[in-house]
Every structure is written in structure tokens, then in C-alpha cells.
Amino acid sequence: MAPASFHHEKVCVMDASGRLGSTLVERLLQRGYTVHAAVQGHGDLKFNGVVSENKKLKIFHTDPFDYQSITDALKGCSGLFYAFEPPEDQPTYDEFMAEVEVRASHNVIEACAQTDTIDKVVFTSSATAVVWRDSPQSITSDLDERHWSDVNFCRKFKLWHALSKTVAEKTSWALAMDRGINMVSINVGGLMTKLSIYFLIILSFKMYKGCLKFWAFIMAHK
């Protein structure tokens, strides 16, 4: 069985160049972990004030489509915190991003299966992989691993982010179970920062109005 935590062990964060990844790197270092930060960018990186010269931080420049670069970053680590970040040349989600994210996730999970020291994988997905259905009444108050967004619904209404996260997570779970990987998935709703909290009330109101119009449109065209 895998340990309940990775306390004071060596772990990998991938992609550490994103907002979530860089925050994870900072928190893990504060808690005494040795961190392999796998980043897609280049240059002298800082993680929210934690400089790259920290003795417990080692930076790896990885490509999610370069299997060898992934295994190099995982080497010697007991766990992986994984969060997909779109490639620099394709920063937004479109109808092709699902294939990109699935390929990246598949490479990472397969690399974990081939790394003897990996005990656990924390896979970051999204709430959008759970909530999108053809009817708001089909969404229960309690959501768990049995609930998924409807991929046909996502394609129909061009919900590309939801489609990408749903397909990538399903594929990753299938591979993890086949390879015997101890994985847990976290379906986050959003990363809160000081700036995002400042705009939270305005954004929440606009999203609420948008959702009402969206579901009204769906029900009118069923």
C-alpha cells in the first residue's frame, strides 16, 4: 500500500510553471518536501517568492509529448502532483485540445507506471468534467466518481474545456487502473488568488446570469 502522505519525501510537480503548479511547489517546500518542479517554460524561474536556488528544489524542463523528459523528472520521486497546462503555442481550449490533453496525460501516467519509486499520483482535473449534462435536473447535490459530464453535450455546445477535462480524466483513470497505479483525482472548481477574490462577486453574478440564459436556451431547443 502507498503511504498516506509524502511527508519529507521527494515529489514531482508537473506542470510547475502554471499558477496551480507554482503554488504547489511553494507549499511543498514550506512543508519540508524535496521537489522536482517539471516546467514547460525556460529561464530563471521563481515560485511565488521561492527562488530556484532553494536546495530542496530541482527544476526540470519537460515536454508532455517527450516521454524521456517526463521520466527524468519523475526519477527518484515517491509521488506526482499533475496538472495539465496548455502548450505555449496553443494557450486556449478548442475542439482539438482534448486530443492534446489526452496524449499528455497518457504519457505522464505511463511514465509513472514505469517509475518504480512512484507510490501515488494526485491528478488535477476540473469540476467541468462532472457538471455538464443535458438537463440541470440530472445534476444531484452529491457528486462522486460515478458522475461525468456528457461528452456529446459538450461537443454540441462547444464546451471545449469540459470536453478536454472529461476525456483526459477518463483516459487517465482507465490507464491507471490497468497499470495498478495508486491515483486520486481532484476536480477543482477554481484557483483562488487575492486578485480573483477581488473580482469574485462580480464574476459570480455574471456567471449566474449566464447559466440561467444557457439552461433556458437548452430547454427551449430540446
Protein backbone atom coordinates (compact mmCIF):
# COMPACT_ATOMS: atom_id res chain seq x y z
CA MET A 1 0.00 0.00 0.00
CA ALA A 2 1.12 3.54 -0.68
CA PRO A 3 1.88 5.82 2.28
CA ALA A 4 -0.85 8.16 3.48
CA SER A 5 1.34 11.16 2.66
CA PHE A 6 4.70 12.07 1.12
CA HIS A 7 5.94 13.96 4.20
CA HIS A 8 9.62 14.94 3.84
CA GLU A 9 9.96 12.73 0.76
CA LYS A 10 10.81 13.63 -2.81
CA VAL A 11 7.86 14.50 -5.05
CA CYS A 12 7.34 15.86 -8.54
CA VAL A 13 5.04 18.71 -9.57
CA MET A 14 4.05 18.82 -13.23
CA ASP A 15 3.39 21.36 -14.77
CA ALA A 16 5.05 23.57 -12.17
CA SER A 17 5.08 26.64 -14.43
CA GLY A 18 1.30 27.18 -14.13
CA ARG A 19 -0.49 29.05 -11.35
CA LEU A 20 -1.57 25.86 -9.58
CA GLY A 21 1.74 24.11 -10.06
CA SER A 22 3.84 27.02 -8.82
CA THR A 23 1.63 27.35 -5.74
CA LEU A 24 2.02 23.64 -5.02
CA VAL A 25 5.80 23.92 -5.31
CA GLU A 26 5.86 26.75 -2.78
CA ARG A 27 3.62 24.93 -0.28
CA LEU A 28 5.51 21.64 -0.59
CA LEU A 29 8.85 23.33 0.01
CA GLN A 30 7.42 25.08 3.07
CA ARG A 31 6.38 21.67 4.44
CA GLY A 32 9.83 20.18 4.01
CA TYR A 33 9.46 18.20 0.79
CA THR A 34 12.18 17.88 -1.81
CA VAL A 35 10.52 18.94 -5.05
CA HIS A 36 11.20 18.14 -8.70
CA ALA A 37 9.50 21.04 -10.49
CA ALA A 38 8.73 19.99 -14.06
CA VAL A 39 8.14 23.12 -16.14
CA GLN A 40 7.42 23.79 -19.78
CA GLY A 41 8.91 27.30 -19.80
CA HIS A 42 12.55 28.32 -19.61
CA GLY A 43 14.62 30.90 -17.83
CA ASP A 44 15.29 31.82 -14.20
CA LEU A 45 12.01 30.83 -12.55
CA LYS A 46 10.62 31.91 -9.22
CA PHE A 47 7.69 30.27 -7.48
CA ASN A 48 5.81 32.96 -5.57
CA GLY A 49 8.98 34.23 -3.95
CA VAL A 50 10.74 30.86 -3.60
CA VAL A 51 13.89 31.25 -5.69
CA SER A 52 15.15 28.43 -7.88
CA GLU A 53 18.37 28.20 -5.82
CA ASN A 54 16.46 26.53 -2.96
CA LYS A 55 18.45 23.41 -2.05
CA LYS A 56 15.31 21.24 -1.97
CA LEU A 57 14.07 22.43 -5.35
CA LYS A 58 15.26 20.96 -8.63
CA ILE A 59 13.87 22.25 -11.92
CA PHE A 60 13.31 20.03 -14.94
CA HIS A 61 12.36 21.37 -18.36
CA THR A 62 9.84 18.87 -19.68
CA ASP A 63 7.67 18.38 -22.72
CA PRO A 64 4.43 16.42 -22.14
CA PHE A 65 4.99 14.77 -25.53
CA ASP A 66 8.61 13.86 -24.78
CA TYR A 67 8.42 10.65 -22.73
CA GLN A 68 12.09 10.74 -21.73
CA SER A 69 11.85 14.25 -20.28
CA ILE A 70 8.91 13.09 -18.12
CA THR A 71 10.73 10.04 -16.77
CA ASP A 72 13.79 12.17 -15.99
CA ALA A 73 11.66 14.49 -13.83
CA LEU A 74 9.99 11.56 -12.03
CA LYS A 75 13.20 9.72 -11.25
CA GLY A 76 13.57 9.07 -7.50
CA CYS A 77 10.20 10.63 -6.62
CA SER A 78 7.63 8.88 -4.43
CA GLY A 79 4.68 10.86 -5.76
CA LEU A 80 3.44 13.12 -8.53
CA PHE A 81 1.14 16.14 -8.43
CA TYR A 82 -0.07 16.54 -12.00
CA ALA A 83 -1.93 19.47 -13.56
CA PHE A 84 -2.17 19.91 -17.32
CA GLU A 85 -1.27 23.30 -18.77
CA PRO A 86 -1.98 24.04 -22.46
CA PRO A 87 1.12 24.35 -24.67
CA GLU A 88 2.55 27.86 -25.06
CA ASP A 89 1.68 27.90 -28.77
CA GLN A 90 -1.94 26.87 -28.05
CA PRO A 91 -2.99 28.63 -24.83
CA THR A 92 -6.77 28.40 -25.29
CA TYR A 93 -9.12 25.43 -25.41
CA ASP A 94 -10.68 24.49 -28.73
CA GLU A 95 -12.08 21.34 -30.35
CA PHE A 96 -8.56 19.91 -30.77
CA MET A 97 -7.35 20.42 -27.19
CA ALA A 98 -8.96 17.20 -25.90
CA GLU A 99 -6.61 15.13 -28.04
CA VAL A 100 -3.62 17.16 -26.85
CA GLU A 101 -4.53 16.80 -23.17
CA VAL A 102 -5.28 13.07 -23.52
CA ARG A 103 -1.89 12.45 -25.14
CA ALA A 104 -0.09 14.43 -22.44
CA SER A 105 -1.94 12.71 -19.59
CA HIS A 106 -1.38 9.28 -21.12
CA ASN A 107 2.37 9.91 -21.37
CA VAL A 108 2.56 11.07 -17.76
CA ILE A 109 0.56 8.17 -16.31
CA GLU A 110 2.51 5.64 -18.37
CA ALA A 111 5.79 7.18 -17.20
CA CYS A 112 4.58 6.84 -13.59
CA ALA A 113 3.85 3.17 -14.21
CA GLN A 114 7.42 2.71 -15.42
CA THR A 115 8.95 4.56 -12.44
CA ASP A 116 9.49 2.11 -9.59
CA THR A 117 9.65 4.75 -6.87
CA ILE A 118 6.24 6.31 -7.60
CA ASP A 119 3.71 5.34 -4.91
CA LYS A 120 0.91 7.79 -5.58
CA VAL A 121 -0.39 10.19 -8.23
CA VAL A 122 -2.56 13.22 -7.47
CA PHE A 123 -4.30 14.03 -10.75
CA THR A 124 -5.81 17.50 -11.07
CA SER A 125 -8.96 17.57 -13.17
CA SER A 126 -11.82 20.08 -13.15
CA ALA A 127 -15.39 20.42 -11.96
CA THR A 128 -16.26 20.88 -15.63
CA ALA A 129 -15.60 17.15 -16.07
CA VAL A 130 -18.56 16.46 -13.79
CA VAL A 131 -21.33 19.06 -14.07
CA TRP A 132 -22.31 19.38 -17.73
CA ARG A 133 -25.41 17.34 -18.62
CA ASP A 134 -28.36 17.69 -20.99
CA SER A 135 -30.65 18.70 -18.13
CA PRO A 136 -29.99 20.67 -14.93
CA GLN A 137 -32.37 18.30 -13.12
CA SER A 138 -29.94 15.42 -13.76
CA ILE A 139 -27.31 17.04 -11.51
CA THR A 140 -27.64 15.75 -7.94
CA SER A 141 -26.50 17.57 -4.83
CA ASP A 142 -23.78 14.96 -4.20
CA LEU A 143 -21.31 14.22 -6.98
CA ASP A 144 -18.74 11.43 -6.92
CA GLU A 145 -16.69 9.19 -9.23
CA ARG A 146 -19.87 7.86 -10.86
CA HIS A 147 -20.73 11.27 -12.32
CA TRP A 148 -19.27 12.61 -15.56
CA SER A 149 -20.04 15.42 -17.96
CA ASP A 150 -21.79 14.24 -21.12
CA VAL A 151 -19.18 14.40 -23.91
CA ASN A 152 -21.83 14.64 -26.63
CA PHE A 153 -23.44 17.53 -24.79
CA CYS A 154 -20.02 19.23 -24.53
CA ARG A 155 -19.38 18.82 -28.25
CA LYS A 156 -22.85 20.07 -29.16
CA PHE A 157 -22.45 23.30 -27.22
CA LYS A 158 -18.71 23.66 -27.85
CA LEU A 159 -17.74 23.31 -24.19
CA TRP A 160 -14.17 22.51 -25.14
CA HIS A 161 -12.64 22.85 -21.68
CA ALA A 162 -15.21 20.46 -20.22
CA LEU A 163 -14.76 18.02 -23.09
CA SER A 164 -10.97 18.04 -22.72
CA LYS A 165 -11.03 17.53 -18.95
CA THR A 166 -13.67 14.79 -19.11
CA VAL A 167 -11.95 12.72 -21.79
CA ALA A 168 -8.47 13.20 -20.31
CA GLU A 169 -9.56 12.18 -16.82
CA LYS A 170 -11.49 9.13 -18.06
CA THR A 171 -8.50 8.03 -20.12
CA SER A 172 -6.11 8.56 -17.21
CA TRP A 173 -8.30 6.55 -14.84
CA ALA A 174 -8.50 3.67 -17.31
CA LEU A 175 -4.72 3.60 -17.74
CA ALA A 176 -4.03 4.00 -14.01
CA MET A 177 -6.31 1.07 -13.17
CA ASP A 178 -4.77 -1.06 -15.90
CA ARG A 179 -1.23 -0.29 -14.69
CA GLY A 180 -2.07 -0.63 -10.99
CA ILE A 181 -1.26 2.99 -10.16
CA ASN A 182 -2.49 4.41 -6.87
CA MET A 183 -4.18 7.58 -8.15
CA VAL A 184 -6.59 10.11 -6.75
CA SER A 185 -8.32 12.77 -8.83
CA ILE A 186 -9.21 16.26 -7.60
CA ASN A 187 -11.92 18.04 -9.57
CA VAL A 188 -11.25 21.66 -8.71
CA GLY A 189 -13.72 24.46 -9.25
CA GLY A 190 -11.18 27.28 -9.47
CA LEU A 191 -7.88 28.54 -8.10
CA MET A 192 -8.45 31.39 -5.65
CA THR A 193 -5.88 34.18 -5.50
CA LYS A 194 -6.03 37.66 -3.95
CA LEU A 195 -6.87 39.12 -7.35
CA SER A 196 -9.57 36.55 -8.12
CA ILE A 197 -11.20 37.12 -4.72
CA TYR A 198 -11.40 40.84 -5.56
CA PHE A 199 -13.47 40.08 -8.65
CA LEU A 200 -15.40 37.13 -7.19
CA ILE A 201 -18.70 38.89 -6.53
CA ILE A 202 -18.91 40.47 -10.00
CA LEU A 203 -17.85 37.29 -11.78
CA SER A 204 -20.20 35.10 -9.77
CA PHE A 205 -23.16 37.35 -10.61
CA LYS A 206 -22.32 37.33 -14.33
CA MET A 207 -21.83 33.55 -14.34
CA TYR A 208 -25.16 33.07 -12.57
CA LYS A 209 -26.95 35.18 -15.16
CA GLY A 210 -25.15 33.37 -17.95
CA CYS A 211 -26.09 29.94 -16.61
CA LEU A 212 -29.76 30.92 -16.37
CA LYS A 213 -29.74 32.04 -20.02
CA PHE A 214 -27.81 28.94 -21.07
CA TRP A 215 -30.22 26.48 -19.49
CA ALA A 216 -33.20 28.46 -20.77
CA PHE A 217 -31.79 28.15 -24.29
CA ILE A 218 -31.23 24.40 -23.87
CA MET A 219 -34.73 23.72 -22.55
CA ALA A 220 -36.26 25.79 -25.36
CA HIS A 221 -34.44 23.76 -28.01
CA LYS A 222 -34.89 20.24 -26.64
